[in-house]
Amino acid sequence: MPEFESLSDRIGARVHGVNLSRGLDEESWRAIEAAWNERHLLVFPGQAELPVDAQVALLARFGPVLEERVPGEKHSWVSNADGHGTDEMNDGYREGPLTAHMDYTYTPYPADVISLWAEQLPETGSETVFYSNVAPLETMPADLRAKLSGYHVFCAHDLAAMKPDARLYLEGRTDPTAPTQSYTWPLIRRHPHKPGIEALVCTLQQTERIVELSDEAAGDAASRAMLGRIFDEHLYTDANRYVHGWRPGDLVVWDNVALQHARDACPRVVGARVLRRVAVCEAGNAIHDTVAFLGLQDSSVAFS
């Protein structure tokens, strides 16, 4: 049976005693599922030579596995190295910093679950930072929580610049008049798969404004002030984050509704960073939405 070690007060558990290459019996899966519902992020260490089919099989327990970059393939790569289907991506996505975000909130289909398996890492190491969207709602003042429940956020993808290190609520889009993928969400969202859980839907990278507080004539000052308060006082705080220091063979699985993630730059000159990605979404495929929006032939060049 698996054993669990908490990673921080609010986020994550390390799962011991599991070899995912051999699959999971139902009793082990039930224990893992219970930890998942509470902790929202699981680290499976020491999964050396994890076959892609085993990673896909684990993620399929959470829901429909996505074909993201290559049609017909249920995995892709997050890498600063050549030869992993990432050559056409711009350098910002390959090796630059990523500000905090949940994947695809600018579409109707944000991922439910994301996993990364560490095949290769720089000798200098690599980290991913995670923040809880759930815990701040439990700890912030009740009057602020009540106020936020009436707001909606406009989330956008700056297609004119494709800046993965964006601070969209402060900077705005490069060309606000240009067509861009966008979606409006309640600022507080009921979790679609975890009854009783609610989560913030606002991120540094993809949230442009609070709709009810937006006033372009005033420079969106009220919207920016409220988002700044949420970010600085409740969301992006030391108490609300877990920093994962990657080791070869780590498989990290996280809830893209309950958590958001970020990273520092990992340039090619410090060594290869090769992470295999498998993701899940029950509602639809955001990559297909992007391909259709951009009028591309397939998803292999959706983020070039």
C-alpha atoms as a PDB file:
ATOM      1  CA  MET A   1       0.000   0.000   0.000  1.00  0.00           C
ATOM      2  CA  PRO A   2       1.229   3.531  -0.718  1.00  0.00           C
ATOM      3  CA  GLU A   3       2.349   5.798   2.088  1.00  0.00           C
ATOM      4  CA  PHE A   4       1.987   9.591   2.000  1.00  0.00           C
ATOM      5  CA  GLU A   5       4.231  12.407   3.191  1.00  0.00           C
ATOM      6  CA  SER A   6       2.902  15.978   3.255  1.00  0.00           C
ATOM      7  CA  LEU A   7       4.932  18.459   1.228  1.00  0.00           C
ATOM      8  CA  SER A   8       3.615  21.701   2.743  1.00  0.00           C
ATOM      9  CA  ASP A   9       0.811  22.886   5.004  1.00  0.00           C
ATOM     10  CA  ARG A  10      -1.499  23.502   2.071  1.00  0.00           C
ATOM     11  CA  ILE A  11      -0.269  21.657  -0.997  1.00  0.00           C
ATOM     12  CA  GLY A  12       0.893  18.233  -1.994  1.00  0.00           C
ATOM     13  CA  ALA A  13       1.893  14.782  -0.838  1.00  0.00           C
ATOM     14  CA  ARG A  14       4.827  12.570  -1.757  1.00  0.00           C
ATOM     15  CA  VAL A  15       3.705   9.014  -2.517  1.00  0.00           C
ATOM     16  CA  HIS A  16       6.004   6.231  -1.332  1.00  0.00           C
ATOM     17  CA  GLY A  17       5.855   2.520  -2.052  1.00  0.00           C
ATOM     18  CA  VAL A  18       4.470   2.694  -5.581  1.00  0.00           C
ATOM     19  CA  ASN A  19       5.997   1.474  -8.839  1.00  0.00           C
ATOM     20  CA  LEU A  20       3.811   2.966 -11.546  1.00  0.00           C
ATOM     21  CA  SER A  21       5.434   0.865 -14.267  1.00  0.00           C
ATOM     22  CA  ARG A  22       3.607  -2.120 -12.763  1.00  0.00           C
ATOM     23  CA  GLY A  23       0.268  -0.328 -12.569  1.00  0.00           C
ATOM     24  CA  LEU A  24      -1.978   0.119  -9.553  1.00  0.00           C
ATOM     25  CA  ASP A  25      -4.389  -2.254  -7.871  1.00  0.00           C
ATOM     26  CA  GLU A  26      -7.738  -0.803  -6.879  1.00  0.00           C
ATOM     27  CA  GLU A  27      -6.935  -0.576  -3.166  1.00  0.00           C
ATOM     28  CA  SER A  28      -3.792   1.467  -3.905  1.00  0.00           C
ATOM     29  CA  TRP A  29      -5.693   3.679  -6.308  1.00  0.00           C
ATOM     30  CA  ARG A  30      -8.410   4.411  -3.724  1.00  0.00           C
ATOM     31  CA  ALA A  31      -5.767   5.533  -1.239  1.00  0.00           C
ATOM     32  CA  ILE A  32      -4.096   7.716  -3.871  1.00  0.00           C
ATOM     33  CA  GLU A  33      -7.435   9.190  -4.922  1.00  0.00           C
ATOM     34  CA  ALA A  34      -8.239  10.136  -1.320  1.00  0.00           C
ATOM     35  CA  ALA A  35      -4.888  11.924  -0.977  1.00  0.00           C
ATOM     36  CA  TRP A  36      -5.475  13.623  -4.317  1.00  0.00           C
ATOM     37  CA  ASN A  37      -8.861  15.009  -3.295  1.00  0.00           C
ATOM     38  CA  GLU A  38      -7.331  16.577  -0.200  1.00  0.00           C
ATOM     39  CA  ARG A  39      -3.837  17.643  -1.326  1.00  0.00           C
ATOM     40  CA  HIS A  40      -4.332  18.447  -5.051  1.00  0.00           C
ATOM     41  CA  LEU A  41      -0.729  17.541  -5.987  1.00  0.00           C
ATOM     42  CA  LEU A  42       1.058  14.195  -5.809  1.00  0.00           C
ATOM     43  CA  VAL A  43       4.759  13.493  -6.286  1.00  0.00           C
ATOM     44  CA  PHE A  44       5.740   9.952  -7.241  1.00  0.00           C
ATOM     45  CA  PRO A  45       9.530   9.845  -6.774  1.00  0.00           C
ATOM     46  CA  GLY A  46      11.928   7.329  -8.203  1.00  0.00           C
ATOM     47  CA  GLN A  47       9.893   6.387 -11.277  1.00  0.00           C
ATOM     48  CA  ALA A  48      12.962   5.776 -13.448  1.00  0.00           C
ATOM     49  CA  GLU A  49      12.312   4.623 -17.020  1.00  0.00           C
ATOM     50  CA  LEU A  50       8.579   5.183 -16.613  1.00  0.00           C
ATOM     51  CA  PRO A  51       6.927   4.015 -19.857  1.00  0.00           C
ATOM     52  CA  VAL A  52       4.671   6.542 -21.512  1.00  0.00           C
ATOM     53  CA  ASP A  53       1.837   3.997 -21.446  1.00  0.00           C
ATOM     54  CA  ALA A  54       2.094   3.808 -17.653  1.00  0.00           C
ATOM     55  CA  GLN A  55       1.909   7.586 -17.305  1.00  0.00           C
ATOM     56  CA  VAL A  56      -1.086   7.700 -19.639  1.00  0.00           C
ATOM     57  CA  ALA A  57      -2.776   4.834 -17.761  1.00  0.00           C
ATOM     58  CA  LEU A  58      -2.440   6.656 -14.437  1.00  0.00           C
ATOM     59  CA  LEU A  59      -3.796   9.931 -15.863  1.00  0.00           C
ATOM     60  CA  ALA A  60      -6.686   8.097 -17.525  1.00  0.00           C
ATOM     61  CA  ARG A  61      -7.951   7.277 -14.026  1.00  0.00           C
ATOM     62  CA  PHE A  62      -8.596  11.027 -13.592  1.00  0.00           C
ATOM     63  CA  GLY A  63     -10.433  11.521 -16.884  1.00  0.00           C
ATOM     64  CA  PRO A  64     -10.037  11.724 -20.685  1.00  0.00           C
ATOM     65  CA  VAL A  65      -6.378  12.085 -21.680  1.00  0.00           C
ATOM     66  CA  LEU A  66      -5.720  14.868 -24.198  1.00  0.00           C
ATOM     67  CA  GLU A  67      -3.974  14.802 -27.530  1.00  0.00           C
ATOM     68  CA  GLU A  68      -2.137  18.093 -27.196  1.00  0.00           C
ATOM     69  CA  ARG A  69       0.696  18.798 -29.621  1.00  0.00           C
ATOM     70  CA  VAL A  70       0.720  15.828 -32.012  1.00  0.00           C
ATOM     71  CA  PRO A  71      -2.539  14.321 -33.264  1.00  0.00           C
ATOM     72  CA  GLY A  72      -2.813  10.708 -32.160  1.00  0.00           C
ATOM     73  CA  GLU A  73      -0.301  11.053 -29.313  1.00  0.00           C
ATOM     74  CA  LYS A  74      -1.450  11.377 -25.722  1.00  0.00           C
ATOM     75  CA  HIS A  75       1.794  12.880 -24.485  1.00  0.00           C
ATOM     76  CA  SER A  76       3.978  15.849 -25.330  1.00  0.00           C
ATOM     77  CA  TRP A  77       7.210  17.360 -24.037  1.00  0.00           C
ATOM     78  CA  VAL A  78       8.085  20.411 -21.985  1.00  0.00           C
ATOM     79  CA  SER A  79      11.723  20.928 -22.838  1.00  0.00           C
ATOM     80  CA  ASN A  80      14.468  23.432 -23.552  1.00  0.00           C
ATOM     81  CA  ALA A  81      16.253  20.827 -25.691  1.00  0.00           C
ATOM     82  CA  ASP A  82      15.950  20.135 -29.398  1.00  0.00           C
ATOM     83  CA  GLY A  83      14.292  17.048 -30.782  1.00  0.00           C
ATOM     84  CA  HIS A  84      11.249  16.774 -28.541  1.00  0.00           C
ATOM     85  CA  GLY A  85       8.617  18.358 -30.742  1.00  0.00           C
ATOM     86  CA  THR A  86       9.326  21.748 -29.204  1.00  0.00           C
ATOM     87  CA  ASP A  87      11.638  23.151 -31.879  1.00  0.00           C
ATOM     88  CA  GLU A  88       8.930  25.417 -33.318  1.00  0.00           C
ATOM     89  CA  MET A  89       8.039  26.940 -29.944  1.00  0.00           C
ATOM     90  CA  ASN A  90       9.480  30.349 -29.157  1.00  0.00           C
ATOM     91  CA  ASP A  91      12.354  30.584 -26.709  1.00  0.00           C
ATOM     92  CA  GLY A  92      10.147  32.075 -24.019  1.00  0.00           C
ATOM     93  CA  TYR A  93       8.115  28.893 -23.767  1.00  0.00           C
ATOM     94  CA  ARG A  94      11.096  26.592 -24.196  1.00  0.00           C
ATOM     95  CA  GLU A  95      13.487  28.088 -21.670  1.00  0.00           C
ATOM     96  CA  GLY A  96      12.196  31.376 -20.266  1.00  0.00           C
ATOM     97  CA  PRO A  97      10.356  32.084 -17.022  1.00  0.00           C
ATOM     98  CA  LEU A  98       6.631  31.409 -16.766  1.00  0.00           C
ATOM     99  CA  THR A  99       4.556  33.598 -14.488  1.00  0.00           C
ATOM    100  CA  ALA A 100       1.916  31.880 -12.383  1.00  0.00           C
ATOM    101  CA  HIS A 101      -1.009  30.453 -14.331  1.00  0.00           C
ATOM    102  CA  MET A 102      -3.413  27.581 -14.831  1.00  0.00           C
ATOM    103  CA  ASP A 103      -3.210  26.067 -18.285  1.00  0.00           C
ATOM    104  CA  TYR A 104      -5.813  27.281 -20.797  1.00  0.00           C
ATOM    105  CA  THR A 105      -7.998  29.578 -18.683  1.00  0.00           C
ATOM    106  CA  TYR A 106      -8.327  31.713 -21.821  1.00  0.00           C
ATOM    107  CA  THR A 107     -10.503  28.924 -23.319  1.00  0.00           C
ATOM    108  CA  PRO A 108     -13.624  27.108 -22.081  1.00  0.00           C
ATOM    109  CA  TYR A 109     -11.401  24.033 -21.516  1.00  0.00           C
ATOM    110  CA  PRO A 110      -8.745  24.577 -18.839  1.00  0.00           C
ATOM    111  CA  ALA A 111      -7.000  21.293 -18.097  1.00  0.00           C
ATOM    112  CA  ASP A 112      -8.367  19.313 -15.164  1.00  0.00           C
ATOM    113  CA  VAL A 113      -5.131  17.465 -14.380  1.00  0.00           C
ATOM    114  CA  ILE A 114      -1.543  17.876 -15.578  1.00  0.00           C
ATOM    115  CA  SER A 115       1.410  15.549 -15.096  1.00  0.00           C
ATOM    116  CA  LEU A 116       5.129  15.912 -15.826  1.00  0.00           C
ATOM    117  CA  TRP A 117       7.715  13.134 -15.671  1.00  0.00           C
ATOM    118  CA  ALA A 118      11.363  14.120 -15.393  1.00  0.00           C
ATOM    119  CA  GLU A 119      13.410  12.291 -18.005  1.00  0.00           C
ATOM    120  CA  GLN A 120      16.408  14.648 -17.901  1.00  0.00           C
ATOM    121  CA  LEU A 121      17.368  17.631 -15.739  1.00  0.00           C
ATOM    122  CA  PRO A 122      20.212  20.163 -15.652  1.00  0.00           C
ATOM    123  CA  GLU A 123      23.006  19.509 -13.155  1.00  0.00           C
ATOM    124  CA  THR A 124      22.112  22.879 -11.640  1.00  0.00           C
ATOM    125  CA  GLY A 125      18.622  21.581 -10.889  1.00  0.00           C
ATOM    126  CA  SER A 126      15.172  22.848 -11.819  1.00  0.00           C
ATOM    127  CA  GLU A 127      12.140  23.972  -9.827  1.00  0.00           C
ATOM    128  CA  THR A 128       8.411  24.462 -10.347  1.00  0.00           C
ATOM    129  CA  VAL A 129       6.413  26.651  -7.975  1.00  0.00           C
ATOM    130  CA  PHE A 130       2.804  25.835  -7.115  1.00  0.00           C
ATOM    131  CA  TYR A 131       0.194  28.078  -5.466  1.00  0.00           C
ATOM    132  CA  SER A 132      -3.158  27.004  -4.018  1.00  0.00           C
ATOM    133  CA  ASN A 133      -6.324  28.530  -5.457  1.00  0.00           C
ATOM    134  CA  VAL A 134      -8.335  26.897  -2.668  1.00  0.00           C
ATOM    135  CA  ALA A 135      -6.629  27.821   0.598  1.00  0.00           C
ATOM    136  CA  PRO A 136      -6.849  31.630   0.202  1.00  0.00           C
ATOM    137  CA  LEU A 137     -10.636  31.421   0.123  1.00  0.00           C
ATOM    138  CA  GLU A 138     -10.544  29.636   3.482  1.00  0.00           C
ATOM    139  CA  THR A 139      -8.203  32.137   5.154  1.00  0.00           C
ATOM    140  CA  MET A 140      -9.121  35.561   3.715  1.00  0.00           C
ATOM    141  CA  PRO A 141     -11.551  37.884   5.572  1.00  0.00           C
ATOM    142  CA  ALA A 142     -15.178  36.865   5.172  1.00  0.00           C
ATOM    143  CA  ASP A 143     -16.204  40.253   3.768  1.00  0.00           C
ATOM    144  CA  LEU A 144     -13.575  40.029   1.019  1.00  0.00           C
ATOM    145  CA  ARG A 145     -14.600  36.451   0.231  1.00  0.00           C
ATOM    146  CA  ALA A 146     -18.228  37.554  -0.088  1.00  0.00           C
ATOM    147  CA  LYS A 147     -17.294  40.469  -2.339  1.00  0.00           C
ATOM    148  CA  LEU A 148     -15.234  38.280  -4.673  1.00  0.00           C
ATOM    149  CA  SER A 149     -18.129  35.864  -5.128  1.00  0.00           C
ATOM    150  CA  GLY A 150     -19.931  38.487  -7.212  1.00  0.00           C
ATOM    151  CA  TYR A 151     -17.060  39.116  -9.632  1.00  0.00           C
ATOM    152  CA  HIS A 152     -16.003  37.670 -12.982  1.00  0.00           C
ATOM    153  CA  VAL A 153     -12.548  37.739 -14.567  1.00  0.00           C
ATOM    154  CA  PHE A 154     -11.588  38.218 -18.199  1.00  0.00           C
ATOM    155  CA  CYS A 155      -8.749  35.831 -19.067  1.00  0.00           C
ATOM    156  CA  ALA A 156      -6.822  36.263 -22.309  1.00  0.00           C
ATOM    157  CA  HIS A 157      -3.948  34.894 -24.345  1.00  0.00           C
ATOM    158  CA  ASP A 158      -1.774  37.668 -25.786  1.00  0.00           C
ATOM    159  CA  LEU A 159      -1.400  36.234 -29.274  1.00  0.00           C
ATOM    160  CA  ALA A 160       0.263  39.392 -30.579  1.00  0.00           C
ATOM    161  CA  ALA A 161       3.285  38.905 -28.321  1.00  0.00           C
ATOM    162  CA  MET A 162       3.042  35.391 -26.784  1.00  0.00           C
ATOM    163  CA  LYS A 163       4.678  36.436 -23.525  1.00  0.00           C
ATOM    164  CA  PRO A 164       4.868  33.516 -21.104  1.00  0.00           C
ATOM    165  CA  ASP A 165       6.256  35.860 -18.430  1.00  0.00           C
ATOM    166  CA  ALA A 166       3.287  38.239 -18.691  1.00  0.00           C
ATOM    167  CA  ARG A 167       1.733  40.130 -15.791  1.00  0.00           C
ATOM    168  CA  LEU A 168      -1.391  40.746 -17.761  1.00  0.00           C
ATOM    169  CA  TYR A 169      -3.410  42.727 -15.227  1.00  0.00           C
ATOM    170  CA  LEU A 170      -0.615  45.307 -15.011  1.00  0.00           C
ATOM    171  CA  GLU A 171       0.719  45.318 -18.569  1.00  0.00           C
ATOM    172  CA  GLY A 172      -2.375  44.620 -20.679  1.00  0.00           C
ATOM    173  CA  ARG A 173      -2.227  42.931 -24.051  1.00  0.00           C
ATOM    174  CA  THR A 174       0.248  44.201 -26.625  1.00  0.00           C
ATOM    175  CA  ASP A 175      -2.591  45.130 -28.975  1.00  0.00           C
ATOM    176  CA  PRO A 176      -5.954  45.190 -27.168  1.00  0.00           C
ATOM    177  CA  THR A 177      -7.782  45.630 -30.489  1.00  0.00           C
ATOM    178  CA  ALA A 178      -6.339  42.477 -32.056  1.00  0.00           C
ATOM    179  CA  PRO A 179      -8.412  39.276 -31.999  1.00  0.00           C
ATOM    180  CA  THR A 180      -7.291  37.048 -29.151  1.00  0.00           C
ATOM    181  CA  GLN A 181      -8.453  33.932 -27.396  1.00  0.00           C
ATOM    182  CA  SER A 182     -10.307  34.880 -24.250  1.00  0.00           C
ATOM    183  CA  TYR A 183     -12.848  33.561 -21.794  1.00  0.00           C
ATOM    184  CA  THR A 184     -14.738  35.043 -18.854  1.00  0.00           C
ATOM    185  CA  TRP A 185     -14.919  33.017 -15.636  1.00  0.00           C
ATOM    186  CA  PRO A 186     -16.465  33.554 -12.219  1.00  0.00           C
ATOM    187  CA  LEU A 187     -13.608  34.784 -10.036  1.00  0.00           C
ATOM    188  CA  ILE A 188     -14.536  31.972  -7.635  1.00  0.00           C
ATOM    189  CA  ARG A 189     -15.275  28.699  -9.379  1.00  0.00           C
ATOM    190  CA  ARG A 190     -16.881  25.555  -8.016  1.00  0.00           C
ATOM    191  CA  HIS A 191     -14.509  22.686  -8.655  1.00  0.00           C
ATOM    192  CA  PRO A 192     -16.019  20.569 -11.455  1.00  0.00           C
ATOM    193  CA  HIS A 193     -14.783  17.266 -10.002  1.00  0.00           C
ATOM    194  CA  LYS A 194     -14.372  17.772  -6.255  1.00  0.00           C
ATOM    195  CA  PRO A 195     -17.692  18.490  -4.500  1.00  0.00           C
ATOM    196  CA  GLY A 196     -17.514  21.181  -1.854  1.00  0.00           C
ATOM    197  CA  ILE A 197     -14.275  22.677  -3.185  1.00  0.00           C
ATOM    198  CA  GLU A 198     -14.145  26.232  -4.537  1.00  0.00           C
ATOM    199  CA  ALA A 199     -11.128  27.875  -6.142  1.00  0.00           C
ATOM    200  CA  LEU A 200      -9.945  31.267  -7.288  1.00  0.00           C
ATOM    201  CA  VAL A 201      -9.705  31.777 -11.051  1.00  0.00           C
ATOM    202  CA  CYS A 202      -7.219  34.610 -11.397  1.00  0.00           C
ATOM    203  CA  THR A 203      -3.595  34.385 -12.454  1.00  0.00           C
ATOM    204  CA  LEU A 204      -0.688  36.681 -13.060  1.00  0.00           C
ATOM    205  CA  GLN A 205      -0.138  35.431 -16.593  1.00  0.00           C
ATOM    206  CA  GLN A 206      -3.657  35.228 -18.033  1.00  0.00           C
ATOM    207  CA  THR A 207      -6.087  37.436 -16.065  1.00  0.00           C
ATOM    208  CA  GLU A 208      -6.535  40.868 -17.613  1.00  0.00           C
ATOM    209  CA  ARG A 209      -9.268  42.385 -15.450  1.00  0.00           C
ATOM    210  CA  ILE A 210     -12.224  41.951 -13.130  1.00  0.00           C
ATOM    211  CA  VAL A 211     -15.203  42.666 -15.357  1.00  0.00           C
ATOM    212  CA  GLU A 212     -17.359  44.389 -12.721  1.00  0.00           C
ATOM    213  CA  LEU A 213     -14.506  46.725 -11.720  1.00  0.00           C
ATOM    214  CA  SER A 214     -13.210  47.445 -15.198  1.00  0.00           C
ATOM    215  CA  ASP A 215     -13.208  51.059 -16.336  1.00  0.00           C
ATOM    216  CA  GLU A 216     -10.888  51.776 -19.255  1.00  0.00           C
ATOM    217  CA  ALA A 217     -11.345  55.525 -18.840  1.00  0.00           C
ATOM    218  CA  ALA A 218      -9.840  55.201 -15.359  1.00  0.00           C
ATOM    219  CA  GLY A 219      -7.092  52.834 -16.486  1.00  0.00           C
ATOM    220  CA  ASP A 220      -8.890  49.904 -14.849  1.00  0.00           C
ATOM    221  CA  ALA A 221      -7.534  51.204 -11.546  1.00  0.00           C
ATOM    222  CA  ALA A 222     -10.149  49.505  -9.350  1.00  0.00           C
ATOM    223  CA  SER A 223      -9.721  46.176 -11.112  1.00  0.00           C
ATOM    224  CA  ARG A 224      -5.937  46.349 -10.847  1.00  0.00           C
ATOM    225  CA  ALA A 225      -6.108  47.289  -7.189  1.00  0.00           C
ATOM    226  CA  MET A 226      -8.371  44.377  -6.317  1.00  0.00           C
ATOM    227  CA  LEU A 227      -6.327  41.855  -8.295  1.00  0.00           C
ATOM    228  CA  GLY A 228      -3.185  43.229  -6.704  1.00  0.00           C
ATOM    229  CA  ARG A 229      -4.714  42.754  -3.258  1.00  0.00           C
ATOM    230  CA  ILE A 230      -5.664  39.155  -4.031  1.00  0.00           C
ATOM    231  CA  PHE A 231      -2.266  38.371  -5.515  1.00  0.00           C
ATOM    232  CA  ASP A 232      -0.050  40.107  -2.949  1.00  0.00           C
ATOM    233  CA  GLU A 233      -1.958  39.413   0.261  1.00  0.00           C
ATOM    234  CA  HIS A 234      -3.540  36.007  -0.330  1.00  0.00           C
ATOM    235  CA  LEU A 235      -2.463  34.096  -3.432  1.00  0.00           C
ATOM    236  CA  TYR A 236       1.249  34.605  -4.121  1.00  0.00           C
ATOM    237  CA  THR A 237       2.511  34.320  -0.569  1.00  0.00           C
ATOM    238  CA  ASP A 238       5.125  32.087   1.016  1.00  0.00           C
ATOM    239  CA  ALA A 239       2.471  30.380   3.134  1.00  0.00           C
ATOM    240  CA  ASN A 240       0.457  29.521   0.019  1.00  0.00           C
ATOM    241  CA  ARG A 241       3.164  27.928  -2.118  1.00  0.00           C
ATOM    242  CA  TYR A 242       5.084  24.711  -2.588  1.00  0.00           C
ATOM    243  CA  VAL A 243       8.365  24.700  -4.501  1.00  0.00           C
ATOM    244  CA  HIS A 244       9.172  21.378  -6.149  1.00  0.00           C
ATOM    245  CA  GLY A 245      12.861  20.721  -6.705  1.00  0.00           C
ATOM    246  CA  TRP A 246      12.904  18.204  -9.521  1.00  0.00           C
ATOM    247  CA  ARG A 247      14.852  14.938  -9.410  1.00  0.00           C
ATOM    248  CA  PRO A 248      15.246  12.487 -12.318  1.00  0.00           C
ATOM    249  CA  GLY A 249      12.376  10.015 -12.352  1.00  0.00           C
ATOM    250  CA  ASP A 250       9.933  12.284 -10.507  1.00  0.00           C
ATOM    251  CA  LEU A 251       6.351  12.154 -11.715  1.00  0.00           C
ATOM    252  CA  VAL A 252       4.357  15.169 -10.499  1.00  0.00           C
ATOM    253  CA  VAL A 253       0.577  15.195 -10.972  1.00  0.00           C
ATOM    254  CA  TRP A 254      -1.433  18.293 -10.070  1.00  0.00           C
ATOM    255  CA  ASP A 255      -4.949  19.672 -10.153  1.00  0.00           C
ATOM    256  CA  ASN A 256      -5.026  22.568 -12.639  1.00  0.00           C
ATOM    257  CA  VAL A 257      -8.222  23.946 -11.060  1.00  0.00           C
ATOM    258  CA  ALA A 258      -7.062  23.866  -7.438  1.00  0.00           C
ATOM    259  CA  LEU A 259      -3.483  24.973  -8.143  1.00  0.00           C
ATOM    260  CA  GLN A 260      -1.503  27.230 -10.443  1.00  0.00           C
ATOM    261  CA  HIS A 261       2.141  26.887 -11.343  1.00  0.00           C
ATOM    262  CA  ALA A 262       5.156  28.948 -12.369  1.00  0.00           C
ATOM    263  CA  ARG A 263       8.856  28.505 -13.107  1.00  0.00           C
ATOM    264  CA  ASP A 264      12.074  30.472 -13.354  1.00  0.00           C
ATOM    265  CA  ALA A 265      14.090  30.530 -16.566  1.00  0.00           C
ATOM    266  CA  CYS A 266      15.876  27.296 -17.454  1.00  0.00           C
ATOM    267  CA  PRO A 267      18.139  28.228 -20.405  1.00  0.00           C
ATOM    268  CA  ARG A 268      19.663  25.591 -22.645  1.00  0.00           C
ATOM    269  CA  VAL A 269      23.181  26.661 -21.699  1.00  0.00           C
ATOM    270  CA  VAL A 270      22.752  25.227 -18.179  1.00  0.00           C
ATOM    271  CA  GLY A 271      21.690  21.817 -19.500  1.00  0.00           C
ATOM    272  CA  ALA A 272      18.724  19.935 -20.895  1.00  0.00           C
ATOM    273  CA  ARG A 273      15.398  19.997 -19.098  1.00  0.00           C
ATOM    274  CA  VAL A 274      13.170  17.275 -20.553  1.00  0.00           C
ATOM    275  CA  LEU A 275       9.778  16.657 -18.946  1.00  0.00           C
ATOM    276  CA  ARG A 276       7.134  14.403 -20.486  1.00  0.00           C
ATOM    277  CA  ARG A 277       3.634  15.799 -20.183  1.00  0.00           C
ATOM    278  CA  VAL A 278       0.272  14.023 -20.053  1.00  0.00           C
ATOM    279  CA  ALA A 279      -2.869  16.047 -19.321  1.00  0.00           C
ATOM    280  CA  VAL A 280      -6.573  15.455 -18.762  1.00  0.00           C
ATOM    281  CA  CYS A 281      -9.706  17.467 -19.463  1.00  0.00           C
ATOM    282  CA  GLU A 282     -13.276  16.204 -19.420  1.00  0.00           C
ATOM    283  CA  ALA A 283     -14.885  19.324 -20.908  1.00  0.00           C
ATOM    284  CA  GLY A 284     -12.899  19.513 -24.166  1.00  0.00           C
ATOM    285  CA  ASN A 285      -9.518  20.121 -25.750  1.00  0.00           C
ATOM    286  CA  ALA A 286      -8.100  23.642 -25.425  1.00  0.00           C
ATOM    287  CA  ILE A 287      -5.393  22.936 -27.987  1.00  0.00           C
ATOM    288  CA  HIS A 288      -8.016  22.104 -30.597  1.00  0.00           C
ATOM    289  CA  ASP A 289      -9.723  25.368 -29.663  1.00  0.00           C
ATOM    290  CA  THR A 290      -6.434  27.216 -30.227  1.00  0.00           C
ATOM    291  CA  VAL A 291      -5.812  25.490 -33.554  1.00  0.00           C
ATOM    292  CA  ALA A 292      -9.284  26.450 -34.772  1.00  0.00           C
ATOM    293  CA  PHE A 293      -8.889  30.039 -33.571  1.00  0.00           C
ATOM    294  CA  LEU A 294      -5.550  30.452 -35.342  1.00  0.00           C
ATOM    295  CA  GLY A 295      -6.654  28.637 -38.484  1.00  0.00           C
ATOM    296  CA  LEU A 296      -3.748  26.175 -38.283  1.00  0.00           C
ATOM    297  CA  GLN A 297      -3.543  22.752 -39.876  1.00  0.00           C
ATOM    298  CA  ASP A 298      -2.722  20.954 -36.621  1.00  0.00           C
ATOM    299  CA  SER A 299      -1.537  21.558 -33.079  1.00  0.00           C
ATOM    300  CA  SER A 300       2.170  20.963 -33.734  1.00  0.00           C
ATOM    301  CA  VAL A 301       2.638  24.672 -34.458  1.00  0.00           C
ATOM    302  CA  ALA A 302      -0.011  26.075 -32.109  1.00  0.00           C
ATOM    303  CA  PHE A 303       2.590  27.734 -29.903  1.00  0.00           C
ATOM    304  CA  SER A 304       5.359  28.578 -32.347  1.00  0.00           C
END
